[in-house]
């Protein structure tokens, strides 16, 4: 068989040319075209930030009013997680 790209003689069962790397046959499957992700709307960003704010306030309330130490820890963790998620959301929005 002769390579259709460079003209080198290659084996009959070869999948690609050893010299130039060209495939000997057409691909059976075409790669999937990736579409751009739609940008999030300002309303969606505002809504998610509102949810994170409510979580942070709930966590602060738990941390301030709970008598059990574990509930205070959960409240502080809730505040930290909501702050991290809102910061991540704002950074992703800026890209």
N, C-alpha and C. Protein backbone atom coordinates (compact mmCIF):
# COMPACT_ATOMS: atom_id res chain seq x y z
N UNK A 1 0.86 -1.17 0.00
CA UNK A 1 0.00 0.00 0.00
C UNK A 1 0.91 1.24 0.00
N UNK A 2 0.46 2.28 -0.64
CA UNK A 2 1.19 3.54 -0.71
C UNK A 2 0.46 4.58 0.13
N UNK A 3 1.22 5.30 0.94
CA UNK A 3 0.64 6.38 1.77
C UNK A 3 0.08 7.46 0.86
N UNK A 4 -1.12 7.89 1.12
CA UNK A 4 -1.76 8.91 0.28
C UNK A 4 -1.22 10.30 0.55
N UNK A 5 -0.48 10.48 1.65
CA UNK A 5 0.06 11.79 1.99
C UNK A 5 1.49 11.97 1.47
N UNK A 6 2.37 11.00 1.81
CA UNK A 6 3.78 11.19 1.48
C UNK A 6 4.29 10.23 0.40
N UNK A 7 3.51 9.23 0.03
CA UNK A 7 3.91 8.31 -1.02
C UNK A 7 4.81 7.18 -0.59
N UNK A 8 5.05 7.02 0.70
CA UNK A 8 5.88 5.94 1.21
C UNK A 8 5.14 4.62 1.11
N UNK A 9 5.88 3.55 0.79
CA UNK A 9 5.26 2.23 0.76
C UNK A 9 5.15 1.74 2.20
N UNK A 10 3.94 1.34 2.60
CA UNK A 10 3.69 0.86 3.95
C UNK A 10 2.97 -0.48 3.86
N UNK A 11 2.90 -1.18 4.99
CA UNK A 11 2.26 -2.50 5.03
C UNK A 11 0.78 -2.38 4.70
N UNK A 12 0.23 -3.44 4.13
CA UNK A 12 -1.18 -3.43 3.74
C UNK A 12 -2.13 -3.31 4.92
N UNK A 13 -1.72 -3.81 6.09
CA UNK A 13 -2.59 -3.76 7.27
C UNK A 13 -2.28 -2.58 8.19
N UNK A 14 -1.44 -1.67 7.74
CA UNK A 14 -1.05 -0.53 8.56
C UNK A 14 -2.23 0.40 8.79
N UNK A 15 -2.33 0.91 10.01
CA UNK A 15 -3.39 1.87 10.34
C UNK A 15 -2.94 3.30 10.04
N UNK A 16 -1.63 3.55 10.22
CA UNK A 16 -1.07 4.87 9.94
C UNK A 16 0.25 4.70 9.22
N UNK A 17 0.67 5.74 8.54
CA UNK A 17 1.97 5.74 7.87
C UNK A 17 3.05 5.93 8.92
N UNK A 18 4.08 5.08 8.88
CA UNK A 18 5.13 5.18 9.89
C UNK A 18 6.01 6.41 9.66
N UNK A 19 5.97 6.98 8.47
CA UNK A 19 6.83 8.11 8.17
C UNK A 19 6.15 9.45 8.51
N UNK A 20 4.91 9.63 8.06
CA UNK A 20 4.27 10.95 8.26
C UNK A 20 3.13 10.92 9.28
N UNK A 21 2.63 9.71 9.65
CA UNK A 21 1.60 9.61 10.67
C UNK A 21 0.18 9.76 10.14
N UNK A 22 0.02 9.84 8.84
CA UNK A 22 -1.32 9.97 8.26
C UNK A 22 -2.08 8.66 8.37
N UNK A 23 -3.36 8.72 8.69
CA UNK A 23 -4.19 7.52 8.79
C UNK A 23 -4.39 6.93 7.39
N UNK A 24 -4.46 5.60 7.31
CA UNK A 24 -4.64 4.95 6.01
C UNK A 24 -6.10 4.90 5.59
N UNK A 25 -7.02 5.06 6.53
CA UNK A 25 -8.44 5.07 6.22
C UNK A 25 -9.09 6.26 6.89
N UNK A 26 -10.29 6.57 6.47
CA UNK A 26 -11.04 7.64 7.10
C UNK A 26 -11.51 7.19 8.48
N UNK A 27 -11.65 8.11 9.40
CA UNK A 27 -12.10 7.80 10.75
C UNK A 27 -13.54 7.30 10.71
N UNK A 28 -13.84 6.29 11.52
CA UNK A 28 -15.21 5.77 11.59
C UNK A 28 -16.13 6.73 12.34
N UNK A 29 -15.56 7.38 13.34
CA UNK A 29 -16.35 8.30 14.17
C UNK A 29 -15.69 9.66 14.14
N UNK A 30 -16.49 10.68 14.06
CA UNK A 30 -15.97 12.04 14.12
C UNK A 30 -16.02 12.52 15.57
N UNK A 31 -15.03 13.29 15.99
CA UNK A 31 -15.06 13.78 17.37
C UNK A 31 -16.25 14.70 17.61
N UNK A 32 -16.73 14.67 18.82
CA UNK A 32 -17.87 15.51 19.20
C UNK A 32 -17.41 16.96 19.27
N UNK A 33 -18.21 17.82 18.68
CA UNK A 33 -17.89 19.25 18.74
C UNK A 33 -18.34 19.79 20.09
N UNK A 34 -17.41 20.44 20.79
CA UNK A 34 -17.73 21.01 22.10
C UNK A 34 -18.28 22.42 21.89
N UNK A 35 -19.41 22.66 22.50
CA UNK A 35 -20.00 23.99 22.45
C UNK A 35 -19.55 24.78 23.66
N UNK A 36 -19.47 26.08 23.49
CA UNK A 36 -19.13 26.93 24.62
C UNK A 36 -20.26 26.91 25.63
N UNK A 37 -19.87 26.88 26.90
CA UNK A 37 -20.89 26.96 27.95
C UNK A 37 -21.52 28.34 27.94
N UNK A 38 -22.81 28.41 28.03
CA UNK A 38 -23.43 29.74 28.08
C UNK A 38 -23.04 30.45 29.37
N UNK A 39 -22.77 31.70 29.23
CA UNK A 39 -22.40 32.48 30.41
C UNK A 39 -23.60 32.59 31.34
N UNK A 40 -23.32 32.54 32.62
CA UNK A 40 -24.42 32.66 33.57
C UNK A 40 -24.92 34.11 33.57
N UNK A 41 -26.20 34.22 33.77
CA UNK A 41 -26.80 35.55 33.75
C UNK A 41 -26.55 36.23 35.10
N UNK A 42 -26.58 37.53 35.12
CA UNK A 42 -26.41 38.23 36.39
C UNK A 42 -27.47 37.84 37.42
N UNK A 43 -28.67 37.53 36.94
CA UNK A 43 -29.74 37.14 37.85
C UNK A 43 -29.41 35.80 38.54
N UNK A 44 -28.84 34.87 37.78
CA UNK A 44 -28.47 33.58 38.37
C UNK A 44 -27.34 33.77 39.39
N UNK A 45 -26.40 34.62 39.08
CA UNK A 45 -25.31 34.89 40.02
C UNK A 45 -25.85 35.55 41.28
N UNK A 46 -26.75 36.49 41.09
CA UNK A 46 -27.35 37.17 42.24
C UNK A 46 -28.16 36.20 43.10
N UNK A 47 -28.88 35.31 42.44
CA UNK A 47 -29.67 34.31 43.18
C UNK A 47 -28.80 33.37 43.99
N UNK A 48 -27.71 32.90 43.38
CA UNK A 48 -26.84 31.98 44.12
C UNK A 48 -26.14 32.71 45.27
N UNK A 49 -25.77 33.97 45.05
CA UNK A 49 -25.16 34.73 46.15
C UNK A 49 -26.16 34.96 47.28
N UNK A 50 -27.42 35.13 46.95
CA UNK A 50 -28.44 35.29 47.99
C UNK A 50 -28.58 34.00 48.80
N UNK A 51 -28.52 32.86 48.12
CA UNK A 51 -28.59 31.58 48.84
C UNK A 51 -27.39 31.43 49.76
N UNK A 52 -26.20 31.78 49.27
CA UNK A 52 -25.01 31.68 50.11
C UNK A 52 -25.07 32.63 51.30
N UNK A 53 -25.67 33.80 51.10
CA UNK A 53 -25.82 34.76 52.20
C UNK A 53 -26.76 34.20 53.27
N UNK A 54 -27.86 33.59 52.85
CA UNK A 54 -28.79 32.99 53.82
C UNK A 54 -28.09 31.87 54.59
N UNK A 55 -27.30 31.04 53.90
CA UNK A 55 -26.56 29.98 54.59
C UNK A 55 -25.56 30.56 55.59
N UNK A 56 -24.87 31.63 55.19
CA UNK A 56 -23.91 32.25 56.10
C UNK A 56 -24.61 32.82 57.32
N UNK A 57 -25.76 33.45 57.12
CA UNK A 57 -26.51 34.01 58.26
C UNK A 57 -27.03 32.91 59.18
N UNK A 58 -27.50 31.81 58.58
CA UNK A 58 -27.96 30.68 59.40
C UNK A 58 -26.81 30.10 60.20
N UNK A 59 -25.65 29.97 59.58
CA UNK A 59 -24.49 29.46 60.29
C UNK A 59 -24.04 30.39 61.40
N UNK A 60 -24.07 31.70 61.14
CA UNK A 60 -23.69 32.66 62.17
C UNK A 60 -24.67 32.62 63.34
N UNK A 61 -25.95 32.46 63.04
CA UNK A 61 -26.95 32.35 64.10
C UNK A 61 -26.70 31.10 64.94
N UNK A 62 -26.43 29.97 64.27
CA UNK A 62 -26.14 28.74 65.00
C UNK A 62 -24.89 28.89 65.87
N UNK A 63 -23.86 29.49 65.32
CA UNK A 63 -22.61 29.64 66.07
C UNK A 63 -22.78 30.57 67.26
N UNK A 64 -23.64 31.56 67.15
CA UNK A 64 -23.79 32.53 68.23
C UNK A 64 -24.75 32.08 69.31
N UNK A 65 -25.77 31.30 68.98
CA UNK A 65 -26.81 30.99 69.96
C UNK A 65 -26.77 29.58 70.51
N UNK A 66 -26.05 28.68 69.86
CA UNK A 66 -26.08 27.28 70.29
C UNK A 66 -25.28 27.10 71.58
N UNK A 67 -25.77 26.19 72.41
CA UNK A 67 -25.05 25.86 73.64
C UNK A 67 -24.12 24.68 73.45
N UNK A 68 -24.48 23.77 72.58
CA UNK A 68 -23.64 22.59 72.34
C UNK A 68 -22.46 22.97 71.45
N UNK A 69 -21.25 22.55 71.82
CA UNK A 69 -20.07 22.90 71.03
C UNK A 69 -20.13 22.38 69.58
N UNK A 70 -20.70 21.22 69.39
CA UNK A 70 -20.75 20.66 68.05
C UNK A 70 -21.64 21.49 67.13
N UNK A 71 -22.71 22.05 67.68
CA UNK A 71 -23.60 22.89 66.88
C UNK A 71 -22.89 24.19 66.52
N UNK A 72 -22.09 24.72 67.43
CA UNK A 72 -21.30 25.92 67.13
C UNK A 72 -20.30 25.65 66.00
N UNK A 73 -19.67 24.49 66.06
CA UNK A 73 -18.71 24.11 65.02
C UNK A 73 -19.41 23.98 63.67
N UNK A 74 -20.58 23.38 63.68
CA UNK A 74 -21.35 23.25 62.44
C UNK A 74 -21.73 24.64 61.91
N UNK A 75 -22.10 25.54 62.78
CA UNK A 75 -22.44 26.90 62.36
C UNK A 75 -21.27 27.63 61.73
N UNK A 76 -20.10 27.52 62.37
CA UNK A 76 -18.90 28.15 61.82
C UNK A 76 -18.53 27.52 60.48
N UNK A 77 -18.64 26.19 60.40
CA UNK A 77 -18.35 25.50 59.14
C UNK A 77 -19.31 25.95 58.04
N UNK A 78 -20.56 26.14 58.38
CA UNK A 78 -21.55 26.60 57.40
C UNK A 78 -21.21 28.00 56.89
N UNK A 79 -20.77 28.86 57.77
CA UNK A 79 -20.35 30.21 57.37
C UNK A 79 -19.16 30.13 56.42
N UNK A 80 -18.16 29.33 56.79
CA UNK A 80 -16.95 29.23 55.96
C UNK A 80 -17.26 28.64 54.59
N UNK A 81 -18.06 27.60 54.55
CA UNK A 81 -18.39 26.96 53.27
C UNK A 81 -19.17 27.93 52.39
N UNK A 82 -20.11 28.65 52.96
CA UNK A 82 -20.89 29.58 52.14
C UNK A 82 -20.01 30.72 51.62
N UNK A 83 -19.06 31.18 52.42
CA UNK A 83 -18.14 32.22 51.95
C UNK A 83 -17.24 31.70 50.84
N UNK A 84 -16.74 30.48 50.99
CA UNK A 84 -15.89 29.90 49.95
C UNK A 84 -16.66 29.70 48.65
N UNK A 85 -17.88 29.20 48.75
CA UNK A 85 -18.68 28.97 47.54
C UNK A 85 -19.06 30.28 46.85
N UNK A 86 -19.38 31.30 47.64
CA UNK A 86 -19.73 32.58 47.02
C UNK A 86 -18.51 33.21 46.36
N UNK A 87 -17.34 33.09 46.97
CA UNK A 87 -16.12 33.60 46.36
C UNK A 87 -15.78 32.86 45.08
N UNK A 88 -15.98 31.56 45.10
CA UNK A 88 -15.74 30.75 43.89
C UNK A 88 -16.70 31.15 42.78
N UNK A 89 -17.94 31.39 43.13
CA UNK A 89 -18.93 31.80 42.15
C UNK A 89 -18.59 33.14 41.53
N UNK A 90 -18.14 34.07 42.36
CA UNK A 90 -17.76 35.40 41.85
C UNK A 90 -16.53 35.32 40.98
N UNK A 91 -15.57 34.47 41.34
CA UNK A 91 -14.37 34.32 40.51
C UNK A 91 -14.72 33.68 39.18
N UNK A 92 -15.61 32.70 39.19
CA UNK A 92 -16.02 32.05 37.94
C UNK A 92 -16.79 33.03 37.07
N UNK A 93 -17.51 33.90 37.65
CA UNK A 93 -18.28 34.90 36.90
C UNK A 93 -17.33 35.87 36.19
N UNK A 94 -16.18 36.16 36.81
CA UNK A 94 -15.24 37.09 36.23
C UNK A 94 -14.49 36.56 35.03
N UNK A 95 -14.48 35.25 34.83
CA UNK A 95 -13.71 34.65 33.72
C UNK A 95 -14.37 34.89 32.41
